Amino acid sequence: GLVSQLLQLDVSELLDAELDFEKGIRNEFPDYLERLSEQADLLLQHTHSQAMLGLHEYTSQLKESYEVLLDKPALLQSDYIFEIYQKAHQQLIQLFDALAAGQRVGVVKQHQSILEELKLYTQYIPDLSNDLPQQDSTSFEPISNIEPEPEVVAT
């Protein structure tokens, strides 16, 4: 079935993260988090079907949160983050279990609230080393800092 196909992917660390996340982070940061992110990516590539849409969405948001932690490791100073991730990884396993039971998997309110909590924690907490909220890395510089390009005049 679908789950056995997914379990053949190399995503074992991602599925064990419910129990191993804190230890993995404390002993192998950033390598452990990079591996989780890669495994989430692998899972994303194989969960496009309608039956797995919820798992796909959930994994996508989990992966985004890993990327934030890689950018802002200071967030990992709080024990609270490990509590949130334990819940988040439990939910991931529940989505797998639901798939195994032959159910279509959608992201339900319970899953959404965990994801919201993760997002609030990882994206809206200012960088601890500075008092201003971090600017999104895709934001543009103020126009006054941009040098005008010299005009090329055809001769």
Protein backbone atom coordinates (compact mmCIF):
# COMPACT_ATOMS: atom_id res chain seq x y z
CA GLY A 1 0.00 0.00 0.00
CA LEU A 2 0.87 3.67 0.15
CA VAL A 3 2.54 3.50 3.54
CA SER A 4 4.80 0.58 2.66
CA GLN A 5 5.96 2.54 -0.41
CA LEU A 6 6.69 5.55 1.78
CA LEU A 7 8.49 3.43 4.36
CA GLN A 8 10.83 2.20 1.63
CA LEU A 9 12.07 5.77 1.31
CA ASP A 10 14.97 6.64 3.57
CA VAL A 11 12.95 8.70 6.06
CA SER A 12 13.58 6.69 9.22
CA GLU A 13 15.17 9.58 11.15
CA LEU A 14 12.21 11.79 10.33
CA LEU A 15 9.82 9.13 11.62
CA ASP A 16 11.94 8.59 14.75
CA ALA A 17 12.20 12.33 15.44
CA GLU A 18 9.33 12.14 17.92
CA LEU A 19 11.74 10.38 20.30
CA ASP A 20 15.15 11.46 19.01
CA PHE A 21 14.74 15.13 18.04
CA GLU A 22 16.17 16.73 21.17
CA LYS A 23 19.10 14.31 21.40
CA GLY A 24 19.79 14.67 17.67
CA ILE A 25 19.78 18.46 17.91
CA ARG A 26 21.97 18.57 21.01
CA ASN A 27 24.53 16.07 19.69
CA GLU A 28 24.56 16.64 15.94
CA PHE A 29 23.41 20.15 15.10
CA PRO A 30 23.23 21.21 12.28
CA ASP A 31 23.80 17.85 10.52
CA TYR A 32 20.82 16.15 12.15
CA LEU A 33 18.45 18.97 11.20
CA GLU A 34 19.80 19.01 7.64
CA ARG A 35 19.12 15.27 7.36
CA LEU A 36 15.57 15.74 8.68
CA SER A 37 15.05 18.49 6.13
CA GLU A 38 16.35 16.25 3.31
CA GLN A 39 14.13 13.38 4.45
CA ALA A 40 11.12 15.72 4.59
CA ASP A 41 11.99 16.78 1.05
CA LEU A 42 12.13 13.14 -0.06
CA LEU A 43 8.73 12.53 1.52
CA LEU A 44 7.35 15.60 -0.27
CA GLN A 45 8.43 14.18 -3.62
CA HIS A 46 6.35 11.04 -2.99
CA THR A 47 3.17 12.42 -1.42
CA HIS A 48 1.49 14.25 -4.29
CA SER A 49 -1.54 11.95 -4.59
CA GLN A 50 -4.95 13.12 -3.39
CA ALA A 51 -5.00 10.54 -0.57
CA MET A 52 -1.75 11.92 0.82
CA LEU A 53 -2.43 15.62 0.44
CA GLY A 54 -2.60 16.23 4.19
CA LEU A 55 0.70 14.44 4.77
CA HIS A 56 2.24 16.49 1.95
CA GLU A 57 1.04 19.81 3.41
CA TYR A 58 2.08 18.87 6.92
CA THR A 59 5.54 17.71 5.85
CA SER A 60 6.01 20.86 3.80
CA GLN A 61 5.35 23.10 6.79
CA LEU A 62 7.53 20.94 9.03
CA LYS A 63 10.38 21.23 6.52
CA GLU A 64 9.96 25.03 6.40
CA SER A 65 10.29 25.15 10.18
CA TYR A 66 13.52 23.09 10.00
CA GLU A 67 14.94 25.63 7.55
CA VAL A 68 14.12 28.45 9.99
CA LEU A 69 15.94 26.61 12.80
CA LEU A 70 18.99 26.16 10.58
CA ASP A 71 18.96 29.94 9.97
CA LYS A 72 18.29 30.84 13.62
CA PRO A 73 19.89 28.21 15.87
CA ALA A 74 19.35 30.53 18.87
CA LEU A 75 15.70 29.39 18.81
CA LEU A 76 16.94 26.00 20.01
CA GLN A 77 17.98 27.46 23.37
CA SER A 78 14.45 27.04 24.70
CA ASP A 79 13.06 23.76 26.04
CA TYR A 80 9.68 24.89 24.74
CA ILE A 81 10.78 24.31 21.15
CA PHE A 82 11.44 20.64 21.92
CA GLU A 83 7.95 20.28 23.38
CA ILE A 84 6.39 21.74 20.24
CA TYR A 85 8.48 19.52 17.98
CA GLN A 86 7.62 16.44 19.99
CA LYS A 87 3.94 17.18 19.35
CA ALA A 88 4.63 17.98 15.71
CA HIS A 89 6.51 14.73 15.14
CA GLN A 90 3.78 12.78 16.97
CA GLN A 91 1.27 14.25 14.54
CA LEU A 92 3.43 13.14 11.62
CA ILE A 93 3.30 9.56 12.91
CA GLN A 94 -0.49 9.86 13.36
CA LEU A 95 -0.82 10.93 9.73
CA PHE A 96 1.19 7.86 8.70
CA ASP A 97 -1.01 5.65 10.89
CA ALA A 98 -4.16 7.12 9.35
CA LEU A 99 -2.78 6.39 5.88
CA ALA A 100 -1.93 2.85 6.94
CA ALA A 101 -5.53 2.41 8.08
CA GLY A 102 -6.62 3.32 4.56
CA GLN A 103 -7.94 6.76 5.41
CA ARG A 104 -7.52 9.81 3.26
CA VAL A 105 -5.26 12.14 5.15
CA GLY A 106 -6.15 15.77 5.51
CA VAL A 107 -4.65 18.29 7.88
CA VAL A 108 -7.26 18.56 10.63
CA LYS A 109 -7.68 21.36 13.16
CA GLN A 110 -5.53 19.53 15.73
CA HIS A 111 -2.63 19.26 13.25
CA GLN A 112 -3.13 22.84 12.13
CA SER A 113 -2.87 24.17 15.68
CA ILE A 114 0.50 22.43 16.19
CA LEU A 115 1.73 23.86 12.89
CA GLU A 116 0.53 27.33 13.88
CA GLU A 117 2.36 27.03 17.19
CA LEU A 118 5.54 26.04 15.36
CA LYS A 119 5.16 28.88 12.91
CA LEU A 120 4.56 31.42 15.65
CA TYR A 121 7.58 30.25 17.54
CA THR A 122 9.98 29.96 14.62
CA GLN A 123 8.92 32.91 12.49
CA TYR A 124 7.61 35.57 14.78
CA ILE A 125 10.16 35.50 17.58
CA PRO A 126 12.77 38.18 16.93
CA ASP A 127 16.34 37.10 16.51
CA LEU A 128 17.71 36.87 20.03
CA SER A 129 20.85 38.79 19.15
CA ASN A 130 18.97 41.88 18.10
CA ASP A 131 15.84 43.71 19.13
CA LEU A 132 14.31 44.20 15.72
CA PRO A 133 12.28 41.45 14.07
CA GLN A 134 14.29 39.73 11.37
CA GLN A 135 13.54 40.90 7.88
CA ASP A 136 12.50 38.23 5.46
CA SER A 137 15.58 37.27 3.45
CA THR A 138 13.63 37.92 0.25
CA SER A 139 12.94 41.54 1.18
CA PHE A 140 14.53 44.24 -0.91
CA GLU A 141 17.05 46.85 0.11
CA PRO A 142 15.81 50.42 0.29
CA ILE A 143 16.00 52.05 -3.12
CA SER A 144 18.42 54.72 -1.86
CA ASN A 145 21.13 52.04 -1.46
CA ILE A 146 20.88 50.80 -5.02
CA GLU A 147 23.38 52.29 -7.43
CA PRO A 148 21.84 53.23 -10.76
CA GLU A 149 23.27 51.21 -13.61
CA PRO A 150 25.33 53.31 -16.01
CA GLU A 151 23.49 53.92 -19.23
CA VAL A 152 25.04 52.37 -22.28
CA VAL A 153 25.00 54.78 -25.19
CA ALA A 154 25.26 53.25 -28.63
CA THR A 155 27.82 55.00 -30.81
